[in-house]
């Protein structure tokens, strides 16, 4: 049976990125991402947060280290991966996202055509992606 492994998350960084380099010279960093959802508890709405670790590699890791800081908004797509290890005789595991694409989202109220920058390992290391423009004729209802 065929399977599909794709994750898309938008949230804010929980800490600054720390870029490390492997012996091969390739950059690697782990991003802590907080993804919030508004849920109704009783009569009031509250924020429910999910915390996810995202591993970035190569040029994507370098760009994350240069431009992202704690609180920065970011859009990430990638693949879900299960990491397993043993600590003090106990087996442990956690799910992480292996980043394929990273979009830096500009903070603030201004929406300009260069408001979103896109980074892809498999594309031109750093490319500008224009902001999407909505049109009422595109809405299917």
Protein backbone atom coordinates (compact mmCIF):
# COMPACT_ATOMS: atom_id res chain seq x y z
CA UNK A 1 0.00 0.00 0.00
CA UNK A 2 1.29 3.45 -0.91
CA UNK A 3 1.90 6.02 1.82
CA UNK A 4 2.34 9.78 2.02
CA UNK A 5 4.45 11.66 4.55
CA UNK A 6 4.06 15.45 4.39
CA UNK A 7 3.79 17.96 7.24
CA UNK A 8 3.03 21.68 6.94
CA UNK A 9 3.24 23.86 10.05
CA UNK A 10 3.08 27.57 10.73
CA UNK A 11 4.09 28.93 14.10
CA UNK A 12 6.65 30.88 16.08
CA UNK A 13 10.14 29.92 17.22
CA UNK A 14 10.46 29.01 20.90
CA UNK A 15 14.20 29.74 20.99
CA UNK A 16 17.03 31.17 18.89
CA UNK A 17 18.55 28.85 16.29
CA UNK A 18 21.99 27.42 17.01
CA UNK A 19 23.67 26.34 13.77
CA UNK A 20 26.22 23.56 14.04
CA UNK A 21 28.46 22.14 11.33
CA UNK A 22 29.12 18.47 10.68
CA UNK A 23 32.61 17.20 9.82
CA UNK A 24 31.50 17.22 6.18
CA UNK A 25 30.93 20.99 6.45
CA UNK A 26 27.14 20.72 6.16
CA UNK A 27 25.10 22.97 8.46
CA UNK A 28 22.42 21.60 10.77
CA UNK A 29 20.05 23.23 13.28
CA UNK A 30 17.01 22.25 15.31
CA UNK A 31 14.16 24.75 15.44
CA UNK A 32 11.73 24.71 18.35
CA UNK A 33 8.32 25.63 16.91
CA UNK A 34 5.15 26.54 18.82
CA UNK A 35 1.94 26.05 16.83
CA UNK A 36 -1.14 27.60 18.45
CA UNK A 37 -4.79 26.73 18.01
CA UNK A 38 -7.82 28.50 19.50
CA UNK A 39 -10.16 26.05 21.23
CA UNK A 40 -13.31 26.65 23.22
CA UNK A 41 -13.22 25.56 26.87
CA UNK A 42 -16.62 26.03 28.41
CA UNK A 43 -17.69 29.57 27.56
CA UNK A 44 -14.30 31.04 26.66
CA UNK A 45 -11.71 30.60 23.93
CA UNK A 46 -8.17 29.66 24.96
CA UNK A 47 -4.91 29.06 23.11
CA UNK A 48 -3.73 25.46 22.93
CA UNK A 49 -0.05 25.15 21.99
CA UNK A 50 1.74 22.23 20.38
CA UNK A 51 5.54 22.22 20.50
CA UNK A 52 7.45 20.60 17.64
CA UNK A 53 11.16 20.16 16.93
CA UNK A 54 12.16 20.75 13.31
CA UNK A 55 15.55 19.68 11.93
CA UNK A 56 16.98 21.83 9.12
CA UNK A 57 20.03 21.01 7.02
CA UNK A 58 22.37 22.72 4.53
CA UNK A 59 21.60 26.22 3.34
CA UNK A 60 18.18 26.10 5.01
CA UNK A 61 19.87 25.70 8.42
CA UNK A 62 22.25 28.60 7.67
CA UNK A 63 19.39 30.92 6.64
CA UNK A 64 17.42 29.95 9.76
CA UNK A 65 20.44 30.83 11.90
CA UNK A 66 20.92 34.17 10.15
CA UNK A 67 17.33 35.42 10.02
CA UNK A 68 15.25 33.65 12.69
CA UNK A 69 15.10 34.58 16.37
CA UNK A 70 12.90 33.53 19.26
CA UNK A 71 9.31 34.54 18.40
CA UNK A 72 9.89 34.73 14.63
CA UNK A 73 6.91 33.53 12.57
CA UNK A 74 7.78 30.80 10.07
CA UNK A 75 6.07 28.35 7.70
CA UNK A 76 7.70 24.92 7.44
CA UNK A 77 6.98 21.89 5.30
CA UNK A 78 8.74 18.58 5.58
CA UNK A 79 8.48 14.94 6.57
CA UNK A 80 7.63 13.39 9.91
CA UNK A 81 10.41 11.25 11.39
CA UNK A 82 10.61 9.11 14.54
CA UNK A 83 13.82 9.43 16.53
CA UNK A 84 14.61 6.68 19.03
CA UNK A 85 17.38 6.43 21.62
CA UNK A 86 18.19 4.91 24.98
CA UNK A 87 18.99 6.94 28.10
CA UNK A 88 19.78 5.42 31.51
CA UNK A 89 18.50 2.05 30.31
CA UNK A 90 15.14 3.50 29.22
CA UNK A 91 14.01 3.52 25.61
CA UNK A 92 12.85 6.95 24.48
CA UNK A 93 11.40 8.33 21.28
CA UNK A 94 9.93 11.48 19.80
CA UNK A 95 8.60 12.67 16.47
CA UNK A 96 10.43 15.47 14.65
CA UNK A 97 9.90 17.20 11.32
CA UNK A 98 12.71 16.99 8.75
CA UNK A 99 12.47 20.35 6.96
CA UNK A 100 12.18 20.38 3.16
CA UNK A 101 11.04 24.03 2.81
CA UNK A 102 11.24 27.02 5.09
CA UNK A 103 9.41 30.29 4.53
CA UNK A 104 10.39 33.33 6.54
CA UNK A 105 7.29 35.37 7.26
CA UNK A 106 7.80 39.07 7.87
CA UNK A 107 6.33 40.35 11.12
CA UNK A 108 4.25 43.51 11.24
CA UNK A 109 1.10 44.78 9.65
CA UNK A 110 2.51 45.69 6.23
CA UNK A 111 1.89 43.14 3.49
CA UNK A 112 4.30 43.72 0.64
CA UNK A 113 5.14 41.63 -2.37
CA UNK A 114 8.47 40.70 -0.78
CA UNK A 115 6.92 39.90 2.62
CA UNK A 116 7.64 36.18 2.34
CA UNK A 117 11.05 34.73 1.57
CA UNK A 118 11.40 31.09 0.66
CA UNK A 119 14.34 28.78 1.18
CA UNK A 120 14.64 25.34 -0.40
CA UNK A 121 17.54 22.93 -0.30
CA UNK A 122 16.71 21.63 -3.78
CA UNK A 123 16.20 25.04 -5.42
CA UNK A 124 18.31 28.17 -5.77
CA UNK A 125 19.60 28.38 -2.21
CA UNK A 126 17.66 31.55 -1.45
CA UNK A 127 14.79 32.81 -3.59
CA UNK A 128 12.08 35.41 -3.09
CA UNK A 129 8.50 34.14 -3.33
CA UNK A 130 5.82 36.77 -4.06
CA UNK A 131 2.95 37.10 -1.62
CA UNK A 132 -0.27 35.42 -2.74
CA UNK A 133 -2.99 37.80 -3.91
CA UNK A 134 -6.59 36.83 -3.21
CA UNK A 135 -9.32 37.55 -5.72
CA UNK A 136 -13.06 37.10 -5.05
CA UNK A 137 -13.42 35.31 -8.39
CA UNK A 138 -11.05 32.56 -7.13
CA UNK A 139 -13.30 31.65 -4.18
CA UNK A 140 -15.27 28.46 -5.03
CA UNK A 141 -18.41 29.45 -3.10
